[in-house]
Amino acid sequence: MLRVGGVPLHVLCEGSGPVCVLSPGLGMGWFDWEPVVPLLAPYRTVVRFDRPGLGFSAPAAEPPTAAAEAARIAGVLDALGLGGPATVVGHSLAGFHAEAFARLHPERTAGLVLVDASVEENARPAPAPALRTAVARARGRAYAAAGLPRALGPTLRRLTVRASSVRGADPVPDDLVRRTYGTGRVARALLMENARYWDVAAEVESLRSSRPLPPVPVTVLAAATGSGSWLERRRLQRQRALAELLDARFEAVAPAGHLVMYDRPGVVAEVVLAGSPSRVVQA
């Protein structure tokens, strides 16, 4: 546990070599990168941490913003004594955080990898942010008081993972799922991240017009189950448009659901290890 920005955060640092930071999507924890870490740790210093309220981290007093999450990544690296540039990997919602880090801390960015990242074209802040924040907090307190996180949290976690992975199973041990998703703390953090989603998206949209990306490798990985459905074609189209916007390399990863790190961990690792052609990673 490291105190970063006044908040005790659960942080893991493994391996050696150039630094990479792995940040999971909305409401997810450090363990969601577990399939990727063994493929990276022999060649990279791999940093994972739970955002406030998630996993084993303490909650934060303030709601999330893109700038604050970028500063949190920098703060974690500082707390670990890792001052050099890092490759930042963001999945889903954390794609916003990773991009914000690259734009706000270009001198500390060695590369950017967006794994089936959130895409919102022409994002605008949702109205009444203070009211939405208060409602999210009230809902979190009410859910916890009613015992809903303990009763429903682990089951909802399992169902979400199964629906988001072509493997159809959640590899995280039952006791760990209960210790995290069975708590009101994690439920409140998840509700807060969801309540401020559009604000974070709009903040990144604003950064794109004022803070250019540094001249580092940028890759957009897009999940493709291979269904060929209209919905999947539309999702891939939006991911490709994101890659064009960021002047990034685009790669469709198939077969894979939204949780690409579960379905194709080797592909994620290969992208992070790009620049080390002698390293061959098995999926």
Protein backbone atom coordinates (compact mmCIF):
# COMPACT_ATOMS: atom_id res chain seq x y z
CA MET A 1 0.00 0.00 0.00
CA LEU A 2 1.38 3.39 -1.04
CA ARG A 3 -0.09 6.79 -0.23
CA VAL A 4 -0.45 8.71 -3.50
CA GLY A 5 -2.15 12.08 -3.54
CA GLY A 6 -3.33 11.48 0.00
CA VAL A 7 -5.06 8.18 -0.89
CA PRO A 8 -3.71 4.75 0.16
CA LEU A 9 -3.43 2.76 -3.07
CA HIS A 10 -2.81 -0.94 -3.60
CA VAL A 11 0.21 -1.12 -5.94
CA LEU A 12 2.10 -4.04 -7.48
CA CYS A 13 5.50 -3.72 -9.14
CA GLU A 14 7.06 -6.80 -10.75
CA GLY A 15 9.85 -7.68 -13.15
CA SER A 16 12.72 -5.52 -14.39
CA GLY A 17 13.63 -3.40 -17.37
CA PRO A 18 11.77 -0.53 -19.06
CA VAL A 19 8.60 0.45 -17.22
CA CYS A 20 5.05 -0.25 -18.31
CA VAL A 21 1.86 0.62 -16.45
CA LEU A 22 -1.27 -1.53 -16.84
CA SER A 23 -4.59 0.14 -16.01
CA PRO A 24 -7.90 -1.78 -16.25
CA GLY A 25 -11.37 -0.64 -17.22
CA LEU A 26 -14.31 0.71 -15.26
CA GLY A 27 -14.71 -0.97 -11.88
CA MET A 28 -11.92 -3.50 -12.49
CA GLY A 29 -8.87 -4.45 -10.44
CA TRP A 30 -5.20 -5.30 -10.65
CA PHE A 31 -6.01 -9.00 -11.06
CA ASP A 32 -7.62 -8.38 -14.45
CA TRP A 33 -4.12 -8.06 -15.97
CA GLU A 34 -2.93 -11.34 -14.44
CA PRO A 35 -2.73 -13.27 -17.77
CA VAL A 36 -0.49 -10.57 -19.31
CA VAL A 37 1.99 -9.99 -16.47
CA PRO A 38 3.99 -13.26 -16.76
CA LEU A 39 4.57 -12.47 -20.44
CA LEU A 40 5.93 -9.01 -19.65
CA ALA A 41 7.76 -9.33 -16.32
CA PRO A 42 10.88 -11.06 -17.74
CA TYR A 43 11.49 -8.00 -19.93
CA ARG A 44 9.66 -5.08 -18.31
CA THR A 45 9.06 -3.52 -14.92
CA VAL A 46 5.30 -4.03 -14.73
CA VAL A 47 3.29 -1.63 -12.55
CA ARG A 48 -0.34 -2.22 -11.63
CA PHE A 49 -2.49 -0.37 -9.13
CA ASP A 50 -6.10 -0.17 -8.04
CA ARG A 51 -7.75 3.18 -8.58
CA PRO A 52 -9.37 4.70 -5.47
CA GLY A 53 -12.07 2.49 -4.00
CA LEU A 54 -11.36 -0.41 -6.36
CA GLY A 55 -9.52 -3.63 -5.58
CA PHE A 56 -7.83 -3.07 -2.23
CA SER A 57 -7.35 0.72 -2.54
CA ALA A 58 -8.98 3.21 -0.21
CA PRO A 59 -11.66 5.55 -1.59
CA ALA A 60 -10.90 9.11 -2.65
CA ALA A 61 -12.66 12.21 -1.38
CA GLU A 62 -13.00 13.71 -4.87
CA PRO A 63 -14.70 12.27 -7.97
CA PRO A 64 -12.44 11.10 -10.81
CA THR A 65 -11.19 13.39 -13.58
CA ALA A 66 -8.89 12.66 -16.50
CA ALA A 67 -6.22 15.04 -15.19
CA ALA A 68 -6.40 13.54 -11.69
CA GLU A 69 -6.08 9.99 -13.03
CA ALA A 70 -3.10 11.03 -15.16
CA ALA A 71 -1.53 12.61 -12.07
CA ARG A 72 -2.27 9.43 -10.13
CA ILE A 73 -0.30 7.34 -12.64
CA ALA A 74 2.60 9.79 -12.32
CA GLY A 75 2.28 9.71 -8.53
CA VAL A 76 2.42 5.91 -8.42
CA LEU A 77 5.58 5.92 -10.54
CA ASP A 78 7.11 8.58 -8.28
CA ALA A 79 6.22 6.60 -5.15
CA LEU A 80 8.00 3.58 -6.65
CA GLY A 81 11.04 5.67 -7.58
CA LEU A 82 10.47 5.12 -11.29
CA GLY A 83 11.21 8.51 -12.78
CA GLY A 84 11.94 7.51 -16.37
CA PRO A 85 9.45 7.25 -19.22
CA ALA A 86 6.85 4.49 -19.14
CA THR A 87 4.64 2.73 -21.65
CA VAL A 88 1.08 3.24 -20.41
CA VAL A 89 -1.56 0.65 -21.25
CA GLY A 90 -5.20 1.55 -20.72
CA HIS A 91 -8.17 -0.78 -21.13
CA SER A 92 -11.70 0.48 -21.78
CA LEU A 93 -12.37 3.53 -19.55
CA ALA A 94 -8.68 3.63 -18.56
CA GLY A 95 -7.88 4.41 -22.19
CA PHE A 96 -9.00 7.95 -21.34
CA HIS A 97 -6.62 8.00 -18.36
CA ALA A 98 -3.69 6.64 -20.38
CA GLU A 99 -4.20 9.15 -23.18
CA ALA A 100 -4.51 11.99 -20.66
CA PHE A 101 -1.23 10.89 -19.07
CA ALA A 102 0.53 10.94 -22.45
CA ARG A 103 -0.80 14.41 -23.24
CA LEU A 104 -0.18 15.92 -19.80
CA HIS A 105 3.12 14.16 -19.06
CA PRO A 106 4.74 13.74 -22.49
CA GLU A 107 8.27 13.64 -21.08
CA ARG A 108 7.30 10.61 -18.98
CA THR A 109 5.64 8.67 -21.81
CA ALA A 110 7.54 6.02 -23.77
CA GLY A 111 4.50 4.59 -25.53
CA LEU A 112 0.72 4.39 -25.42
CA VAL A 113 -1.39 1.24 -25.86
CA LEU A 114 -5.19 1.48 -25.87
CA VAL A 115 -6.87 -1.90 -25.39
CA ASP A 116 -10.45 -1.81 -26.69
CA ALA A 117 -10.56 1.66 -25.21
CA SER A 118 -13.67 3.76 -24.69
CA VAL A 119 -14.48 5.91 -27.71
CA GLU A 120 -16.82 8.90 -27.56
CA GLU A 121 -16.94 11.21 -30.56
CA ASN A 122 -17.51 14.91 -29.80
CA ALA A 123 -17.96 14.18 -26.10
CA ARG A 124 -19.54 16.85 -23.95
CA PRO A 125 -19.81 16.99 -20.15
CA ALA A 126 -23.11 15.76 -18.80
CA PRO A 127 -25.16 18.41 -16.97
CA ALA A 128 -25.19 18.90 -13.18
CA PRO A 129 -21.90 17.17 -12.24
CA ALA A 130 -22.26 18.03 -8.55
CA LEU A 131 -25.77 16.57 -8.46
CA ARG A 132 -24.66 13.41 -10.30
CA THR A 133 -21.79 13.00 -7.87
CA ALA A 134 -24.12 13.37 -4.88
CA VAL A 135 -26.60 10.90 -6.37
CA ALA A 136 -23.86 8.35 -7.04
CA ARG A 137 -22.66 8.64 -3.44
CA ALA A 138 -26.20 8.32 -2.10
CA ARG A 139 -26.86 5.27 -4.24
CA GLY A 140 -23.62 3.70 -3.07
CA ARG A 141 -24.54 4.25 0.57
CA ALA A 142 -28.03 2.87 0.00
CA TYR A 143 -26.76 -0.22 -1.80
CA ALA A 144 -24.25 -0.90 0.95
CA ALA A 145 -26.83 -0.40 3.70
CA ALA A 146 -29.16 -2.86 1.96
CA GLY A 147 -26.37 -5.45 1.68
CA LEU A 148 -26.61 -5.52 -2.11
CA PRO A 149 -22.85 -5.55 -2.81
CA ARG A 150 -22.38 -8.70 -0.76
CA ALA A 151 -25.50 -10.33 -2.21
CA LEU A 152 -25.11 -9.33 -5.86
CA GLY A 153 -21.62 -7.89 -6.44
CA PRO A 154 -19.69 -11.13 -7.04
CA THR A 155 -22.42 -12.55 -9.27
CA LEU A 156 -22.60 -9.38 -11.36
CA ARG A 157 -18.83 -9.43 -11.70
CA ARG A 158 -18.90 -13.03 -12.95
CA LEU A 159 -21.72 -12.35 -15.42
CA THR A 160 -19.97 -9.25 -16.78
CA VAL A 161 -16.70 -11.10 -17.37
CA ARG A 162 -18.43 -14.02 -19.03
CA ALA A 163 -20.29 -11.68 -21.37
CA SER A 164 -17.10 -9.76 -22.19
CA SER A 165 -14.79 -12.68 -22.97
CA VAL A 166 -14.92 -15.35 -25.63
CA ARG A 167 -13.52 -17.74 -23.03
CA GLY A 168 -16.81 -17.48 -21.15
CA ALA A 169 -15.32 -17.84 -17.67
CA ASP A 170 -13.86 -15.59 -14.99
CA PRO A 171 -10.41 -16.87 -13.96
CA VAL A 172 -10.23 -14.77 -10.77
CA PRO A 173 -10.54 -16.94 -7.61
CA ASP A 174 -13.90 -16.85 -5.81
CA ASP A 175 -12.47 -15.58 -2.53
CA LEU A 176 -10.79 -12.62 -4.26
CA VAL A 177 -14.00 -11.72 -6.10
CA ARG A 178 -15.91 -11.80 -2.81
CA ARG A 179 -13.28 -9.70 -0.99
CA THR A 180 -13.52 -6.98 -3.63
CA TYR A 181 -16.88 -6.98 -5.40
CA GLY A 182 -18.69 -8.00 -2.24
CA THR A 183 -17.82 -4.68 -0.58
CA GLY A 184 -19.71 -1.40 -0.55
CA ARG A 185 -16.42 0.40 -1.12
CA VAL A 186 -15.93 -1.11 -4.58
CA ALA A 187 -19.61 -0.67 -5.45
CA ARG A 188 -19.40 3.04 -4.58
CA ALA A 189 -16.23 3.50 -6.67
CA LEU A 190 -17.81 1.75 -9.65
CA LEU A 191 -20.91 3.93 -9.42
CA MET A 192 -18.76 7.06 -9.20
CA GLU A 193 -16.63 6.14 -12.23
CA ASN A 194 -19.81 5.51 -14.20
CA ALA A 195 -21.42 8.78 -13.03
CA ARG A 196 -18.42 10.84 -14.18
CA TYR A 197 -17.79 8.92 -17.41
CA TRP A 198 -18.96 11.66 -19.79
CA ASP A 199 -17.08 14.34 -17.89
CA VAL A 200 -13.83 12.39 -18.24
CA ALA A 201 -14.53 11.73 -21.93
CA ALA A 202 -15.15 15.44 -22.56
CA GLU A 203 -11.99 16.36 -20.66
CA VAL A 204 -9.90 14.11 -22.92
CA GLU A 205 -11.66 15.59 -25.95
CA SER A 206 -10.57 19.04 -24.79
CA LEU A 207 -6.98 17.90 -24.21
CA ARG A 208 -6.80 16.66 -27.80
CA SER A 209 -7.11 20.22 -29.07
CA SER A 210 -4.60 21.75 -26.66
CA ARG A 211 -2.04 19.12 -25.66
CA PRO A 212 -0.52 17.07 -28.50
CA LEU A 213 0.63 13.52 -28.00
CA PRO A 214 4.40 13.04 -27.70
CA PRO A 215 6.23 11.42 -30.65
CA VAL A 216 6.05 7.88 -29.22
CA PRO A 217 4.54 4.61 -30.52
CA VAL A 218 0.75 4.56 -30.13
CA THR A 219 -1.30 1.42 -30.76
CA VAL A 220 -5.05 0.86 -30.71
CA LEU A 221 -6.10 -2.74 -30.14
CA ALA A 222 -9.74 -3.49 -30.96
CA ALA A 223 -11.57 -6.64 -29.90
CA ALA A 224 -13.34 -8.65 -32.58
CA THR A 225 -15.30 -11.80 -31.78
CA GLY A 226 -15.62 -12.64 -35.47
CA SER A 227 -19.41 -12.51 -35.42
CA GLY A 228 -19.53 -10.08 -38.35
CA SER A 229 -22.60 -8.43 -36.84
CA TRP A 230 -23.53 -4.81 -37.53
CA LEU A 231 -22.71 -3.95 -33.93
CA GLU A 232 -19.23 -5.44 -34.19
CA ARG A 233 -18.55 -3.71 -37.51
CA ARG A 234 -19.61 -0.42 -35.95
CA ARG A 235 -17.37 -0.95 -32.92
CA LEU A 236 -14.37 -1.72 -35.12
CA GLN A 237 -15.12 1.32 -37.25
CA ARG A 238 -15.06 3.54 -34.17
CA GLN A 239 -11.81 2.01 -32.92
CA ARG A 240 -10.22 2.50 -36.33
CA ALA A 241 -11.36 6.13 -36.31
CA LEU A 242 -9.71 6.56 -32.90
CA ALA A 243 -6.46 5.18 -34.30
CA GLU A 244 -6.63 7.61 -37.23
CA LEU A 245 -7.32 10.50 -34.86
CA LEU A 246 -4.29 9.62 -32.75
CA ASP A 247 -2.09 8.73 -35.75
CA ALA A 248 -1.78 5.29 -34.15
CA ARG A 249 -1.24 1.78 -35.40
CA PHE A 250 -4.54 -0.13 -35.50
CA GLU A 251 -4.93 -3.85 -34.92
CA ALA A 252 -8.13 -5.87 -34.69
CA VAL A 253 -7.63 -8.73 -32.24
CA ALA A 254 -9.69 -11.84 -32.97
CA PRO A 255 -11.18 -13.84 -31.56
CA ALA A 256 -11.52 -11.65 -28.49
CA GLY A 257 -14.20 -10.02 -26.41
CA HIS A 258 -13.91 -6.68 -24.68
CA LEU A 259 -11.56 -8.25 -22.10
CA VAL A 260 -8.75 -8.65 -24.61
CA MET A 261 -6.23 -9.26 -21.83
CA TYR A 262 -8.10 -12.47 -20.91
CA ASP A 263 -8.75 -13.69 -24.44
CA ARG A 264 -5.48 -12.73 -26.17
CA PRO A 265 -2.87 -11.81 -23.53
CA GLY A 266 -0.03 -12.60 -25.91
CA VAL A 267 -1.15 -9.94 -28.37
CA VAL A 268 -1.26 -7.30 -25.64
CA ALA A 269 2.21 -8.32 -24.46
CA GLU A 270 3.66 -8.27 -27.98
CA VAL A 271 2.49 -4.70 -28.50
CA VAL A 272 4.00 -3.57 -25.21
CA LEU A 273 7.24 -5.32 -26.08
CA ALA A 274 7.37 -3.76 -29.53
CA GLY A 275 10.88 -2.54 -30.13
CA SER A 276 12.30 -5.81 -28.75
CA PRO A 277 11.94 -7.98 -31.87
CA SER A 278 13.86 -10.87 -30.37
CA ARG A 279 11.13 -11.35 -27.76
CA VAL A 280 8.53 -13.82 -28.98
CA VAL A 281 5.42 -14.17 -26.83
CA GLN A 282 3.03 -17.10 -27.08
CA ALA A 283 -0.67 -16.23 -26.77
